[in-house]
């Protein structure tokens, strides 16, 4: 029987799942904006889908917080702040197309 990783079990806490969701939402939002080429920047109505995915990534990361202060807790807080910036960037790309 093959081991099941916690990233695939939705009921268990997984820091990696939250990071992958947020980074995936960021990369997809940038690609929908037409990022690599500065001449092809445009808005896409599909960018609204990246906002809930980035929020889901934040929730998954927040589930990993513990009650006791430690360096792990500080690292998770740092990840939450970075995912908050990703969420703000996804909302910005959706509301204010370049």
Protein backbone atom coordinates (compact mmCIF):
# COMPACT_ATOMS: atom_id res chain seq x y z
CA UNK A 1 0.00 0.00 0.00
CA UNK A 2 1.47 3.35 -1.05
CA UNK A 3 1.69 6.11 1.55
CA UNK A 4 -0.70 9.02 1.14
CA UNK A 5 0.83 12.43 1.46
CA UNK A 6 -0.88 15.05 3.59
CA UNK A 7 -1.04 17.42 0.63
CA UNK A 8 -3.75 15.20 -0.91
CA UNK A 9 -5.76 14.73 2.30
CA UNK A 10 -8.00 17.79 2.50
CA UNK A 11 -9.00 17.24 6.12
CA UNK A 12 -5.44 17.31 7.42
CA UNK A 13 -3.29 20.41 7.82
CA UNK A 14 -0.76 20.96 5.07
CA UNK A 15 1.51 23.97 4.81
CA UNK A 16 2.72 22.84 1.41
CA UNK A 17 -0.82 22.77 0.02
CA UNK A 18 -1.42 26.37 1.10
CA UNK A 19 1.85 27.51 -0.48
CA UNK A 20 1.14 25.70 -3.75
CA UNK A 21 -2.39 27.11 -3.95
CA UNK A 22 -1.22 30.68 -3.41
CA UNK A 23 1.75 30.48 -5.75
CA UNK A 24 -0.39 28.77 -8.37
CA UNK A 25 -2.96 31.56 -8.11
CA UNK A 26 -0.19 34.16 -8.48
CA UNK A 27 1.40 32.51 -11.52
CA UNK A 28 -1.96 31.91 -13.19
CA UNK A 29 -3.07 35.47 -12.52
CA UNK A 30 0.12 36.82 -14.04
CA UNK A 31 -0.27 34.57 -17.08
CA UNK A 32 -3.90 35.65 -17.51
CA UNK A 33 -2.72 39.26 -17.41
CA UNK A 34 -0.29 38.50 -20.25
CA UNK A 35 2.80 39.07 -18.11
CA UNK A 36 5.86 37.89 -20.06
CA UNK A 37 5.34 40.27 -22.95
CA UNK A 38 4.82 43.93 -22.13
CA UNK A 39 3.07 44.50 -25.46
CA UNK A 40 0.45 41.82 -24.83
CA UNK A 41 -0.81 42.93 -21.39
CA UNK A 42 -4.57 42.65 -21.19
CA UNK A 43 -7.39 41.97 -18.77
CA UNK A 44 -9.14 38.63 -18.53
CA UNK A 45 -12.54 37.96 -16.97
CA UNK A 46 -11.16 34.64 -15.69
CA UNK A 47 -8.99 36.40 -13.13
CA UNK A 48 -11.88 36.44 -10.69
CA UNK A 49 -11.25 32.70 -10.20
CA UNK A 50 -7.77 33.36 -8.82
CA UNK A 51 -9.10 35.38 -5.85
CA UNK A 52 -10.89 32.45 -4.12
CA UNK A 53 -7.97 30.12 -4.87
CA UNK A 54 -5.54 32.57 -3.23
CA UNK A 55 -7.94 32.93 -0.28
CA UNK A 56 -8.16 29.14 0.03
CA UNK A 57 -4.37 29.00 0.14
CA UNK A 58 -4.37 31.55 2.96
CA UNK A 59 -6.91 29.51 4.92
CA UNK A 60 -4.87 26.34 4.45
CA UNK A 61 -1.77 28.12 5.75
CA UNK A 62 -3.67 29.65 8.68
CA UNK A 63 -4.82 26.18 9.73
CA UNK A 64 -1.17 25.32 10.42
CA UNK A 65 -0.81 27.98 13.15
CA UNK A 66 -0.19 26.61 16.63
CA UNK A 67 -1.21 28.15 19.94
CA UNK A 68 2.33 28.41 21.27
CA UNK A 69 4.87 30.92 19.95
CA UNK A 70 7.88 29.37 18.21
CA UNK A 71 9.98 29.91 15.12
CA UNK A 72 7.54 27.68 13.23
CA UNK A 73 4.73 30.06 14.25
CA UNK A 74 6.80 33.02 13.03
CA UNK A 75 7.45 31.28 9.71
CA UNK A 76 3.76 30.56 9.22
CA UNK A 77 2.96 34.21 9.99
CA UNK A 78 5.55 35.27 7.43
CA UNK A 79 3.90 32.99 4.86
CA UNK A 80 0.48 34.41 5.74
CA UNK A 81 1.71 37.95 5.11
CA UNK A 82 3.19 36.94 1.77
CA UNK A 83 -0.04 35.18 0.80
CA UNK A 84 -1.97 38.30 1.79
CA UNK A 85 0.16 40.21 -0.73
CA UNK A 86 -0.60 37.55 -3.36
CA UNK A 87 -4.31 37.91 -2.63
CA UNK A 88 -4.09 41.70 -2.90
CA UNK A 89 -2.22 41.38 -6.21
CA UNK A 90 -4.86 39.00 -7.60
CA UNK A 91 -7.61 41.43 -6.59
CA UNK A 92 -5.66 44.32 -8.09
CA UNK A 93 -5.24 42.51 -11.42
CA UNK A 94 -8.94 41.69 -11.45
CA UNK A 95 -10.19 45.20 -10.58
CA UNK A 96 -7.63 47.37 -12.37
CA UNK A 97 -6.60 45.78 -15.65
CA UNK A 98 -3.39 47.12 -17.10
